Amino acid sequence: MRSPPGVTLPASVKPGATLRFTGICHLNRSQHRIAKRFDQSFWLQVKGMQDIRVLEAAPWWTPTVMLWTIAVGTLLIVAFQVWITLLRQRVTAQTRIISDQIKRESILKERQRIARELHDTLEQALGGLTMLLDNCRLQIKSQPEKGLRSLELAKGMLRHCRKEFRASISELRGGLLEKTSLYHAVVQTIQPLAESCDAKFEAHCSGQERKLRLQIERHILRIASEATSNAVRHGKPRKIRFDLSYTEESLTLSIQNDGLEFSPNDVAETEHFGILGMHERANQIGGTLEINSDSAGTSVILKVPRTNGWNPEEI
């Protein structure tokens, strides 16, 4: 197509558009060996822009646009993959750092707990034992009866220290509470004690079980063990029942037996440490401990109100 002098196509008309022309058609003819006439090309001569009509605009999706889109998309995908790889490496490194830090803090907290446990039990008991032995040494010649009573008391303190030491060693080796729930840990601990005196053992758990802080569960387990051990040693029970109840407001542990009656206030000095230890543990976890005994038997009831100890993540 040849445009008239001074006439140019508008910029909106791009390659790929469908146009309609009105003008004079000029044919370029050429001779061929076989055909008498052969039309090789033609061109249109128009008067002006009024003879040119745009029927359909050129599509925006052209091969050039497609190639640029593919190139830009490929570049973005490569950049995204590189960013993801770098981000994954950074997250992995940060996760390793946080994991190591949590592990160190856990070890430090456990060491501090063991130190407090040893100080609150073994160290104080051994200090009292030293004082008893010193008094016994002074009394054994002038007051033999008081000296023998002091020896018996020292023997009870040694027995208590031995029990606490064994419990601490068991925790260091990985106690039951790290492997199972509080209810099953108590059952596995006190059921062999009940069976050692041929007592019938019953266990029951009510409510939705919740995971408490490990330190609180340890105190509860120790109280249950001490209560059952006292019943087996002194009560001669035929039946021992363990109940654990969870409510929205509190946790209640109950150890009941049908053994011999006793008065908690009249317990011999050599056996006083176990009951005193149960009360101390109950106070440390903010709970209340109630011991009742009559002709029908003895019950030890521990009640722990709902505190932040219900959330294991706050250990």
C-alpha atoms as a PDB file:
ATOM      1  CA  MET A   1       0.000   0.000   0.000  1.00  0.00           C
ATOM      2  CA  ARG A   2       1.236   3.420  -0.931  1.00  0.00           C
ATOM      3  CA  SER A   3      -0.069   6.338   1.073  1.00  0.00           C
ATOM      4  CA  PRO A   4      -0.836   9.607  -0.683  1.00  0.00           C
ATOM      5  CA  PRO A   5       1.706  12.364  -0.194  1.00  0.00           C
ATOM      6  CA  GLY A   6       1.432  13.847   3.327  1.00  0.00           C
ATOM      7  CA  VAL A   7      -0.732  10.980   4.654  1.00  0.00           C
ATOM      8  CA  THR A   8       0.666   8.610   7.359  1.00  0.00           C
ATOM      9  CA  LEU A   9      -1.008   5.866   9.343  1.00  0.00           C
ATOM     10  CA  PRO A  10      -1.885   6.758  12.952  1.00  0.00           C
ATOM     11  CA  ALA A  11       0.222   5.341  15.786  1.00  0.00           C
ATOM     12  CA  SER A  12      -2.745   3.293  16.975  1.00  0.00           C
ATOM     13  CA  VAL A  13      -2.520   1.123  13.881  1.00  0.00           C
ATOM     14  CA  LYS A  14       0.010  -1.558  14.738  1.00  0.00           C
ATOM     15  CA  PRO A  15       1.123  -4.785  13.051  1.00  0.00           C
ATOM     16  CA  GLY A  16      -1.519  -7.450  13.441  1.00  0.00           C
ATOM     17  CA  ALA A  17      -4.513  -5.105  13.021  1.00  0.00           C
ATOM     18  CA  THR A  18      -7.238  -5.860  10.486  1.00  0.00           C
ATOM     19  CA  LEU A  19      -7.801  -2.922   8.103  1.00  0.00           C
ATOM     20  CA  ARG A  20     -10.208  -2.152   5.267  1.00  0.00           C
ATOM     21  CA  PHE A  21      -8.954  -0.024   2.316  1.00  0.00           C
ATOM     22  CA  THR A  22     -10.871   1.694  -0.468  1.00  0.00           C
ATOM     23  CA  GLY A  23      -8.760   2.747  -3.448  1.00  0.00           C
ATOM     24  CA  ILE A  24      -7.259   1.867  -6.792  1.00  0.00           C
ATOM     25  CA  CYS A  25      -5.566  -1.534  -7.064  1.00  0.00           C
ATOM     26  CA  HIS A  26      -2.405  -1.692  -9.170  1.00  0.00           C
ATOM     27  CA  LEU A  27      -1.210  -5.119 -10.291  1.00  0.00           C
ATOM     28  CA  ASN A  28       2.397  -5.979 -11.069  1.00  0.00           C
ATOM     29  CA  ARG A  29       2.463  -8.594 -13.838  1.00  0.00           C
ATOM     30  CA  SER A  30       5.315 -10.867 -14.855  1.00  0.00           C
ATOM     31  CA  GLN A  31       5.677 -13.397 -17.664  1.00  0.00           C
ATOM     32  CA  HIS A  32       6.086 -17.094 -16.885  1.00  0.00           C
ATOM     33  CA  ARG A  33       7.385 -19.856 -19.059  1.00  0.00           C
ATOM     34  CA  ILE A  34       4.272 -21.976 -18.765  1.00  0.00           C
ATOM     35  CA  ALA A  35       1.488 -19.509 -17.930  1.00  0.00           C
ATOM     36  CA  LYS A  36       0.825 -16.710 -20.330  1.00  0.00           C
ATOM     37  CA  ARG A  37       0.360 -14.239 -17.457  1.00  0.00           C
ATOM     38  CA  PHE A  38       1.423 -14.255 -13.833  1.00  0.00           C
ATOM     39  CA  ASP A  39       0.387 -11.606 -11.296  1.00  0.00           C
ATOM     40  CA  GLN A  40       3.326 -11.252  -8.925  1.00  0.00           C
ATOM     41  CA  SER A  41       2.136  -8.420  -6.617  1.00  0.00           C
ATOM     42  CA  PHE A  42      -0.257  -5.536  -6.216  1.00  0.00           C
ATOM     43  CA  TRP A  43      -0.566  -2.250  -4.356  1.00  0.00           C
ATOM     44  CA  LEU A  44      -3.444   0.038  -3.395  1.00  0.00           C
ATOM     45  CA  GLN A  45      -3.619   3.706  -3.930  1.00  0.00           C
ATOM     46  CA  VAL A  46      -5.921   5.601  -1.565  1.00  0.00           C
ATOM     47  CA  LYS A  47      -6.878   9.246  -1.499  1.00  0.00           C
ATOM     48  CA  GLY A  48      -6.587   9.811   2.254  1.00  0.00           C
ATOM     49  CA  MET A  49      -7.305   8.494   5.742  1.00  0.00           C
ATOM     50  CA  GLN A  50     -11.028   8.457   4.996  1.00  0.00           C
ATOM     51  CA  ASP A  51     -10.371   5.437   2.742  1.00  0.00           C
ATOM     52  CA  ILE A  52      -8.755   3.458   5.596  1.00  0.00           C
ATOM     53  CA  ARG A  53     -10.992   1.774   8.189  1.00  0.00           C
ATOM     54  CA  VAL A  54      -9.794  -0.264  11.199  1.00  0.00           C
ATOM     55  CA  LEU A  55     -11.940  -3.379  11.470  1.00  0.00           C
ATOM     56  CA  GLU A  56     -10.035  -4.993  14.385  1.00  0.00           C
ATOM     57  CA  ALA A  57      -7.225  -3.574  16.490  1.00  0.00           C
ATOM     58  CA  ALA A  58      -3.973  -5.451  16.785  1.00  0.00           C
ATOM     59  CA  PRO A  59      -3.947  -7.949  19.719  1.00  0.00           C
ATOM     60  CA  TRP A  60      -1.767  -7.005  22.709  1.00  0.00           C
ATOM     61  CA  TRP A  61      -0.550 -10.614  23.123  1.00  0.00           C
ATOM     62  CA  THR A  62       2.115 -10.745  20.481  1.00  0.00           C
ATOM     63  CA  PRO A  63       5.087 -13.072  20.140  1.00  0.00           C
ATOM     64  CA  THR A  64       7.337 -10.304  21.411  1.00  0.00           C
ATOM     65  CA  VAL A  65       5.195  -9.769  24.499  1.00  0.00           C
ATOM     66  CA  MET A  66       5.065 -13.507  25.071  1.00  0.00           C
ATOM     67  CA  LEU A  67       8.855 -13.817  24.944  1.00  0.00           C
ATOM     68  CA  TRP A  68       9.296 -10.926  27.362  1.00  0.00           C
ATOM     69  CA  THR A  69       6.734 -12.443  29.711  1.00  0.00           C
ATOM     70  CA  ILE A  70       8.477 -15.824  29.672  1.00  0.00           C
ATOM     71  CA  ALA A  71      11.842 -14.173  30.289  1.00  0.00           C
ATOM     72  CA  VAL A  72      10.567 -12.066  33.195  1.00  0.00           C
ATOM     73  CA  GLY A  73       8.641 -15.011  34.693  1.00  0.00           C
ATOM     74  CA  THR A  74      11.690 -17.276  34.488  1.00  0.00           C
ATOM     75  CA  LEU A  75      13.807 -14.609  36.174  1.00  0.00           C
ATOM     76  CA  LEU A  76      11.255 -14.201  38.960  1.00  0.00           C
ATOM     77  CA  ILE A  77      11.051 -17.973  39.523  1.00  0.00           C
ATOM     78  CA  VAL A  78      14.828 -18.269  39.751  1.00  0.00           C
ATOM     79  CA  ALA A  79      14.997 -15.308  42.141  1.00  0.00           C
ATOM     80  CA  PHE A  80      12.210 -16.809  44.273  1.00  0.00           C
ATOM     81  CA  GLN A  81      13.957 -20.182  44.464  1.00  0.00           C
ATOM     82  CA  VAL A  82      17.196 -18.504  45.489  1.00  0.00           C
ATOM     83  CA  TRP A  83      15.333 -16.522  48.148  1.00  0.00           C
ATOM     84  CA  ILE A  84      13.606 -19.663  49.444  1.00  0.00           C
ATOM     85  CA  THR A  85      16.945 -21.494  49.658  1.00  0.00           C
ATOM     86  CA  LEU A  86      18.574 -18.640  51.563  1.00  0.00           C
ATOM     87  CA  LEU A  87      15.554 -18.314  53.829  1.00  0.00           C
ATOM     88  CA  ARG A  88      15.548 -22.061  54.570  1.00  0.00           C
ATOM     89  CA  GLN A  89      19.227 -21.941  55.451  1.00  0.00           C
ATOM     90  CA  ARG A  90      18.643 -18.961  57.730  1.00  0.00           C
ATOM     91  CA  VAL A  91      15.669 -20.607  59.439  1.00  0.00           C
ATOM     92  CA  THR A  92      17.645 -23.825  59.911  1.00  0.00           C
ATOM     93  CA  ALA A  93      20.515 -21.911  61.487  1.00  0.00           C
ATOM     94  CA  GLN A  94      18.186 -19.934  63.768  1.00  0.00           C
ATOM     95  CA  THR A  95      16.312 -23.092  64.747  1.00  0.00           C
ATOM     96  CA  ARG A  96      19.573 -24.782  65.680  1.00  0.00           C
ATOM     97  CA  ILE A  97      20.613 -21.780  67.769  1.00  0.00           C
ATOM     98  CA  ILE A  98      17.237 -21.629  69.547  1.00  0.00           C
ATOM     99  CA  SER A  99      17.264 -25.394  70.129  1.00  0.00           C
ATOM    100  CA  ASP A 100      20.732 -25.240  71.671  1.00  0.00           C
ATOM    101  CA  GLN A 101      19.689 -22.313  73.835  1.00  0.00           C
ATOM    102  CA  ILE A 102      16.549 -24.100  75.043  1.00  0.00           C
ATOM    103  CA  LYS A 103      18.596 -27.206  75.787  1.00  0.00           C
ATOM    104  CA  ARG A 104      21.113 -25.195  77.814  1.00  0.00           C
ATOM    105  CA  GLU A 105      18.341 -23.433  79.720  1.00  0.00           C
ATOM    106  CA  SER A 106      16.598 -26.749  80.399  1.00  0.00           C
ATOM    107  CA  ILE A 107      19.819 -28.260  81.724  1.00  0.00           C
ATOM    108  CA  LEU A 108      20.421 -25.197  83.907  1.00  0.00           C
ATOM    109  CA  LYS A 109      16.876 -25.291  85.286  1.00  0.00           C
ATOM    110  CA  GLU A 110      17.187 -29.001  86.011  1.00  0.00           C
ATOM    111  CA  ARG A 111      20.472 -28.471  87.818  1.00  0.00           C
ATOM    112  CA  GLN A 112      18.934 -25.703  89.888  1.00  0.00           C
ATOM    113  CA  ARG A 113      15.950 -27.898  90.713  1.00  0.00           C
ATOM    114  CA  ILE A 114      18.179 -30.768  91.805  1.00  0.00           C
ATOM    115  CA  ALA A 115      20.244 -28.368  93.914  1.00  0.00           C
ATOM    116  CA  ARG A 116      17.099 -27.075  95.626  1.00  0.00           C
ATOM    117  CA  GLU A 117      15.817 -30.614  96.093  1.00  0.00           C
ATOM    118  CA  LEU A 118      19.045 -31.785  97.675  1.00  0.00           C
ATOM    119  CA  HIS A 119      19.214 -28.701  99.879  1.00  0.00           C
ATOM    120  CA  ASP A 120      15.591 -28.984 101.022  1.00  0.00           C
ATOM    121  CA  THR A 121      15.823 -32.696 101.822  1.00  0.00           C
ATOM    122  CA  LEU A 122      19.222 -34.320 102.109  1.00  0.00           C
ATOM    123  CA  GLU A 123      21.305 -31.387 103.304  1.00  0.00           C
ATOM    124  CA  GLN A 124      18.840 -30.312 105.984  1.00  0.00           C
ATOM    125  CA  ALA A 125      18.278 -33.896 107.096  1.00  0.00           C
ATOM    126  CA  LEU A 126      22.007 -34.600 107.291  1.00  0.00           C
ATOM    127  CA  GLY A 127      22.507 -31.389 109.262  1.00  0.00           C
ATOM    128  CA  GLY A 128      19.858 -32.470 111.738  1.00  0.00           C
ATOM    129  CA  LEU A 129      21.390 -35.933 111.875  1.00  0.00           C
ATOM    130  CA  THR A 130      24.763 -34.433 112.802  1.00  0.00           C
ATOM    131  CA  MET A 131      23.180 -32.534 115.691  1.00  0.00           C
ATOM    132  CA  LEU A 132      21.398 -35.690 116.889  1.00  0.00           C
ATOM    133  CA  LEU A 133      24.588 -37.711 116.868  1.00  0.00           C
ATOM    134  CA  ASP A 134      26.398 -34.965 118.781  1.00  0.00           C
ATOM    135  CA  ASN A 135      23.667 -34.978 121.438  1.00  0.00           C
ATOM    136  CA  CYS A 136      23.705 -38.763 121.523  1.00  0.00           C
ATOM    137  CA  ARG A 137      27.449 -38.761 122.138  1.00  0.00           C
ATOM    138  CA  LEU A 138      26.944 -36.456 125.117  1.00  0.00           C
ATOM    139  CA  GLN A 139      23.912 -38.327 126.496  1.00  0.00           C
ATOM    140  CA  ILE A 140      24.958 -41.930 125.994  1.00  0.00           C
ATOM    141  CA  LYS A 141      26.962 -42.062 129.238  1.00  0.00           C
ATOM    142  CA  SER A 142      24.956 -39.838 131.588  1.00  0.00           C
ATOM    143  CA  GLN A 143      21.451 -40.480 130.180  1.00  0.00           C
ATOM    144  CA  PRO A 144      21.447 -43.784 128.288  1.00  0.00           C
ATOM    145  CA  GLU A 145      17.687 -43.768 127.639  1.00  0.00           C
ATOM    146  CA  LYS A 146      17.764 -40.365 125.967  1.00  0.00           C
ATOM    147  CA  GLY A 147      20.838 -41.430 124.062  1.00  0.00           C
ATOM    148  CA  LEU A 148      19.076 -44.539 122.707  1.00  0.00           C
ATOM    149  CA  ARG A 149      16.036 -42.444 121.774  1.00  0.00           C
ATOM    150  CA  SER A 150      18.299 -40.079 119.873  1.00  0.00           C
ATOM    151  CA  LEU A 151      19.841 -43.053 118.066  1.00  0.00           C
ATOM    152  CA  GLU A 152      16.405 -44.272 117.024  1.00  0.00           C
ATOM    153  CA  LEU A 153      15.542 -40.809 115.786  1.00  0.00           C
ATOM    154  CA  ALA A 154      18.808 -40.675 113.844  1.00  0.00           C
ATOM    155  CA  LYS A 155      17.982 -44.055 112.347  1.00  0.00           C
ATOM    156  CA  GLY A 156      14.627 -42.740 111.138  1.00  0.00           C
ATOM    157  CA  MET A 157      16.294 -39.694 109.610  1.00  0.00           C
ATOM    158  CA  LEU A 158      18.780 -41.930 107.802  1.00  0.00           C
ATOM    159  CA  ARG A 159      15.942 -44.034 106.432  1.00  0.00           C
ATOM    160  CA  HIS A 160      14.192 -40.901 105.212  1.00  0.00           C
ATOM    161  CA  CYS A 161      17.406 -39.583 103.605  1.00  0.00           C
ATOM    162  CA  ARG A 162      17.912 -42.904 101.860  1.00  0.00           C
ATOM    163  CA  LYS A 163      14.391 -42.802 100.421  1.00  0.00           C
ATOM    164  CA  GLU A 164      14.777 -39.224  99.190  1.00  0.00           C
ATOM    165  CA  PHE A 165      18.167 -40.005  97.684  1.00  0.00           C
ATOM    166  CA  ARG A 166      16.786 -42.984  95.773  1.00  0.00           C
ATOM    167  CA  ALA A 167      13.927 -40.856  94.452  1.00  0.00           C
ATOM    168  CA  SER A 168      16.363 -38.174  93.275  1.00  0.00           C
ATOM    169  CA  ILE A 169      18.540 -40.766  91.536  1.00  0.00           C
ATOM    170  CA  SER A 170      15.454 -42.199  89.823  1.00  0.00           C
ATOM    171  CA  GLU A 171      14.533 -38.752  88.492  1.00  0.00           C
ATOM    172  CA  LEU A 172      18.065 -38.174  87.200  1.00  0.00           C
ATOM    173  CA  ARG A 173      17.909 -41.434  85.268  1.00  0.00           C
ATOM    174  CA  GLY A 174      14.628 -40.382  83.665  1.00  0.00           C
ATOM    175  CA  GLY A 175      11.551 -40.778  85.837  1.00  0.00           C
ATOM    176  CA  LEU A 176       8.138 -42.116  84.968  1.00  0.00           C
ATOM    177  CA  LEU A 177       6.697 -38.632  84.537  1.00  0.00           C
ATOM    178  CA  GLU A 178       8.890 -38.054  81.485  1.00  0.00           C
ATOM    179  CA  LYS A 179       7.477 -41.203  79.896  1.00  0.00           C
ATOM    180  CA  THR A 180       3.810 -41.320  80.903  1.00  0.00           C
ATOM    181  CA  SER A 181       0.957 -39.361  82.493  1.00  0.00           C
ATOM    182  CA  LEU A 182       0.684 -38.484  86.176  1.00  0.00           C
ATOM    183  CA  TYR A 183      -2.078 -41.026  86.748  1.00  0.00           C
ATOM    184  CA  HIS A 184      -0.159 -43.942  85.250  1.00  0.00           C
ATOM    185  CA  ALA A 185       3.058 -42.852  86.975  1.00  0.00           C
ATOM    186  CA  VAL A 186       1.311 -42.950  90.372  1.00  0.00           C
ATOM    187  CA  VAL A 187      -0.245 -46.342  89.597  1.00  0.00           C
ATOM    188  CA  GLN A 188       3.109 -47.828  88.539  1.00  0.00           C
ATOM    189  CA  THR A 189       4.725 -46.453  91.699  1.00  0.00           C
ATOM    190  CA  ILE A 190       2.243 -47.411  94.416  1.00  0.00           C
ATOM    191  CA  GLN A 191       0.717 -50.615  93.034  1.00  0.00           C
ATOM    192  CA  PRO A 192       3.872 -52.676  93.804  1.00  0.00           C
ATOM    193  CA  LEU A 193       3.809 -51.257  97.355  1.00  0.00           C
ATOM    194  CA  ALA A 194       0.210 -52.384  97.816  1.00  0.00           C
ATOM    195  CA  GLU A 195       0.921 -55.826  96.389  1.00  0.00           C
ATOM    196  CA  SER A 196       3.920 -56.235  98.720  1.00  0.00           C
ATOM    197  CA  CYS A 197       1.520 -56.502 101.687  1.00  0.00           C
ATOM    198  CA  ASP A 198      -1.095 -58.528  99.752  1.00  0.00           C
ATOM    199  CA  ALA A 199      -3.531 -55.608  99.780  1.00  0.00           C
ATOM    200  CA  LYS A 200      -6.153 -55.288  97.061  1.00  0.00           C
ATOM    201  CA  PHE A 201      -5.332 -52.289  94.896  1.00  0.00           C
ATOM    202  CA  GLU A 202      -7.855 -50.098  93.062  1.00  0.00           C
ATOM    203  CA  ALA A 203      -7.209 -47.025  90.939  1.00  0.00           C
ATOM    204  CA  HIS A 204      -9.581 -44.583  89.292  1.00  0.00           C
ATOM    205  CA  CYS A 205      -9.177 -41.356  87.321  1.00  0.00           C
ATOM    206  CA  SER A 206     -12.018 -38.921  86.586  1.00  0.00           C
ATOM    207  CA  GLY A 207     -12.207 -35.758  84.532  1.00  0.00           C
ATOM    208  CA  GLN A 208     -10.067 -34.695  81.590  1.00  0.00           C
ATOM    209  CA  GLU A 209      -6.409 -35.377  82.272  1.00  0.00           C
ATOM    210  CA  ARG A 210      -4.151 -32.344  81.972  1.00  0.00           C
ATOM    211  CA  LYS A 211      -0.402 -32.054  81.880  1.00  0.00           C
ATOM    212  CA  LEU A 212       0.960 -30.068  84.808  1.00  0.00           C
ATOM    213  CA  ARG A 213       4.402 -28.598  85.229  1.00  0.00           C
ATOM    214  CA  LEU A 214       6.896 -31.391  85.760  1.00  0.00           C
ATOM    215  CA  GLN A 215       7.993 -30.106  89.166  1.00  0.00           C
ATOM    216  CA  ILE A 216       4.396 -30.077  90.445  1.00  0.00           C
ATOM    217  CA  GLU A 217       3.780 -33.609  89.171  1.00  0.00           C
ATOM    218  CA  ARG A 218       6.963 -34.775  90.913  1.00  0.00           C
ATOM    219  CA  HIS A 219       5.726 -33.442  94.257  1.00  0.00           C
ATOM    220  CA  ILE A 220       2.324 -35.091  93.756  1.00  0.00           C
ATOM    221  CA  LEU A 221       3.966 -38.409  92.882  1.00  0.00           C
ATOM    222  CA  ARG A 222       6.208 -38.220  95.977  1.00  0.00           C
ATOM    223  CA  ILE A 223       3.213 -37.500  98.230  1.00  0.00           C
ATOM    224  CA  ALA A 224       1.282 -40.473  96.818  1.00  0.00           C
ATOM    225  CA  SER A 225       4.298 -42.740  97.249  1.00  0.00           C
ATOM    226  CA  GLU A 226       4.905 -41.621 100.839  1.00  0.00           C
ATOM    227  CA  ALA A 227       1.230 -42.016 101.789  1.00  0.00           C
ATOM    228  CA  THR A 228       1.089 -45.540 100.381  1.00  0.00           C
ATOM    229  CA  SER A 229       4.422 -46.504 101.914  1.00  0.00           C
ATOM    230  CA  ASN A 230       3.269 -45.367 105.368  1.00  0.00           C
ATOM    231  CA  ALA A 231       0.047 -47.347 105.015  1.00  0.00           C
ATOM    232  CA  VAL A 232       1.919 -50.502 104.000  1.00  0.00           C
ATOM    233  CA  ARG A 233       4.508 -50.230 106.787  1.00  0.00           C
ATOM    234  CA  HIS A 234       2.200 -49.377 109.677  1.00  0.00           C
ATOM    235  CA  GLY A 235      -1.456 -49.831 108.725  1.00  0.00           C
ATOM    236  CA  LYS A 236      -1.512 -53.484 107.598  1.00  0.00           C
ATOM    237  CA  PRO A 237      -4.289 -52.690 105.089  1.00  0.00           C
ATOM    238  CA  ARG A 238      -6.285 -55.226 103.110  1.00  0.00           C
ATOM    239  CA  LYS A 239      -7.358 -52.672 100.539  1.00  0.00           C
ATOM    240  CA  ILE A 240      -5.731 -49.548  99.084  1.00  0.00           C
ATOM    241  CA  ARG A 241      -7.590 -47.236  96.736  1.00  0.00           C
ATOM    242  CA  PHE A 242      -6.108 -44.448  94.631  1.00  0.00           C
ATOM    243  CA  ASP A 243      -8.281 -41.722  93.082  1.00  0.00           C
ATOM    244  CA  LEU A 244      -7.207 -38.833  90.860  1.00  0.00           C
ATOM    245  CA  SER A 245      -9.809 -36.241  89.915  1.00  0.00           C
ATOM    246  CA  TYR A 246      -9.441 -33.364  87.432  1.00  0.00           C
ATOM    247  CA  THR A 247     -11.883 -30.436  87.413  1.00  0.00           C
ATOM    248  CA  GLU A 248     -11.776 -26.970  85.889  1.00  0.00           C
ATOM    249  CA  GLU A 249     -10.716 -25.508  89.228  1.00  0.00           C
ATOM    250  CA  SER A 250      -8.450 -28.073  90.863  1.00  0.00           C
ATOM    251  CA  LEU A 251      -6.786 -31.466  90.956  1.00  0.00           C
ATOM    252  CA  THR A 252      -7.550 -33.845  93.831  1.00  0.00           C
ATOM    253  CA  LEU A 253      -5.499 -36.903  94.782  1.00  0.00           C
ATOM    254  CA  SER A 254      -6.816 -39.373  97.321  1.00  0.00           C
ATOM    255  CA  ILE A 255      -5.080 -42.401  98.879  1.00  0.00           C
ATOM    256  CA  GLN A 256      -7.404 -44.477 101.076  1.00  0.00           C
ATOM    257  CA  ASN A 257      -6.766 -47.691 102.990  1.00  0.00           C
ATOM    258  CA  ASP A 258      -8.655 -49.801 105.513  1.00  0.00           C
ATOM    259  CA  GLY A 259      -5.638 -50.285 107.782  1.00  0.00           C
ATOM    260  CA  LEU A 260      -5.094 -49.532 111.448  1.00  0.00           C
ATOM    261  CA  GLU A 261      -6.130 -46.202 112.881  1.00  0.00           C
ATOM    262  CA  PHE A 262      -3.505 -43.698 113.964  1.00  0.00           C
ATOM    263  CA  SER A 263      -3.288 -40.080 115.020  1.00  0.00           C
ATOM    264  CA  PRO A 264      -1.072 -37.917 112.818  1.00  0.00           C
ATOM    265  CA  ASN A 265      -0.156 -35.863 115.895  1.00  0.00           C
ATOM    266  CA  ASP A 266       1.008 -38.937 117.826  1.00  0.00           C
ATOM    267  CA  VAL A 267       3.299 -40.363 115.163  1.00  0.00           C
ATOM    268  CA  ALA A 268       6.648 -41.520 116.482  1.00  0.00           C
ATOM    269  CA  GLU A 269       9.510 -39.127 115.934  1.00  0.00           C
ATOM    270  CA  THR A 270      11.282 -41.634 113.704  1.00  0.00           C
ATOM    271  CA  GLU A 271       8.295 -41.686 111.319  1.00  0.00           C
ATOM    272  CA  HIS A 272       7.457 -38.002 111.563  1.00  0.00           C
ATOM    273  CA  PHE A 273       9.732 -36.996 108.691  1.00  0.00           C
ATOM    274  CA  GLY A 274       7.580 -38.633 106.019  1.00  0.00           C
ATOM    275  CA  ILE A 275       4.377 -36.849 107.065  1.00  0.00           C
ATOM    276  CA  LEU A 276       6.245 -33.588 107.521  1.00  0.00           C
ATOM    277  CA  GLY A 277       7.733 -33.987 104.036  1.00  0.00           C
ATOM    278  CA  MET A 278       4.275 -34.511 102.526  1.00  0.00           C
ATOM    279  CA  HIS A 279       2.998 -31.282 104.092  1.00  0.00           C
ATOM    280  CA  GLU A 280       6.076 -29.387 102.896  1.00  0.00           C
ATOM    281  CA  ARG A 281       5.630 -30.657  99.346  1.00  0.00           C
ATOM    282  CA  ALA A 282       1.940 -29.719  99.382  1.00  0.00           C
ATOM    283  CA  ASN A 283       2.847 -26.180 100.503  1.00  0.00           C
ATOM    284  CA  GLN A 284       5.502 -25.851  97.776  1.00  0.00           C
ATOM    285  CA  ILE A 285       2.924 -26.459  95.036  1.00  0.00           C
ATOM    286  CA  GLY A 286       0.254 -24.291  96.674  1.00  0.00           C
ATOM    287  CA  GLY A 287      -1.913 -27.250  97.646  1.00  0.00           C
ATOM    288  CA  THR A 288      -3.576 -28.453 100.837  1.00  0.00           C
ATOM    289  CA  LEU A 289      -2.986 -31.842 102.446  1.00  0.00           C
ATOM    290  CA  GLU A 290      -5.510 -33.468 104.737  1.00  0.00           C
ATOM    291  CA  ILE A 291      -4.858 -36.692 106.671  1.00  0.00           C
ATOM    292  CA  ASN A 292      -7.782 -38.412 108.398  1.00  0.00           C
ATOM    293  CA  SER A 293      -7.720 -41.690 110.297  1.00  0.00           C
ATOM    294  CA  ASP A 294     -10.409 -43.595 112.191  1.00  0.00           C
ATOM    295  CA  SER A 295     -11.512 -47.154 112.812  1.00  0.00           C
ATOM    296  CA  ALA A 296     -12.527 -47.525 109.154  1.00  0.00           C
ATOM    297  CA  GLY A 297      -9.039 -46.674 107.905  1.00  0.00           C
ATOM    298  CA  THR A 298      -6.920 -43.733 106.775  1.00  0.00           C
ATOM    299  CA  SER A 299      -7.270 -41.260 103.943  1.00  0.00           C
ATOM    300  CA  VAL A 300      -4.726 -38.828 102.574  1.00  0.00           C
ATOM    301  CA  ILE A 301      -6.267 -36.118 100.373  1.00  0.00           C
ATOM    302  CA  LEU A 302      -4.219 -33.614  98.384  1.00  0.00           C
ATOM    303  CA  LYS A 303      -5.948 -30.740  96.598  1.00  0.00           C
ATOM    304  CA  VAL A 304      -4.037 -28.526  94.148  1.00  0.00           C
ATOM    305  CA  PRO A 305      -5.896 -25.434  92.861  1.00  0.00           C
ATOM    306  CA  ARG A 306      -5.609 -24.392  89.257  1.00  0.00           C
ATOM    307  CA  THR A 307      -2.582 -22.155  88.757  1.00  0.00           C
ATOM    308  CA  ASN A 308      -0.045 -21.498  86.010  1.00  0.00           C
ATOM    309  CA  GLY A 309       1.226 -24.944  86.891  1.00  0.00           C
ATOM    310  CA  TRP A 310      -1.505 -26.347  84.641  1.00  0.00           C
ATOM    311  CA  ASN A 311       0.413 -25.107  81.612  1.00  0.00           C
ATOM    312  CA  PRO A 312       3.414 -27.324  80.796  1.00  0.00           C
ATOM    313  CA  GLU A 313       4.832 -24.684  78.420  1.00  0.00           C
ATOM    314  CA  GLU A 314       5.615 -22.449  81.391  1.00  0.00           C
ATOM    315  CA  ILE A 315       8.108 -24.875  82.882  1.00  0.00           C
END
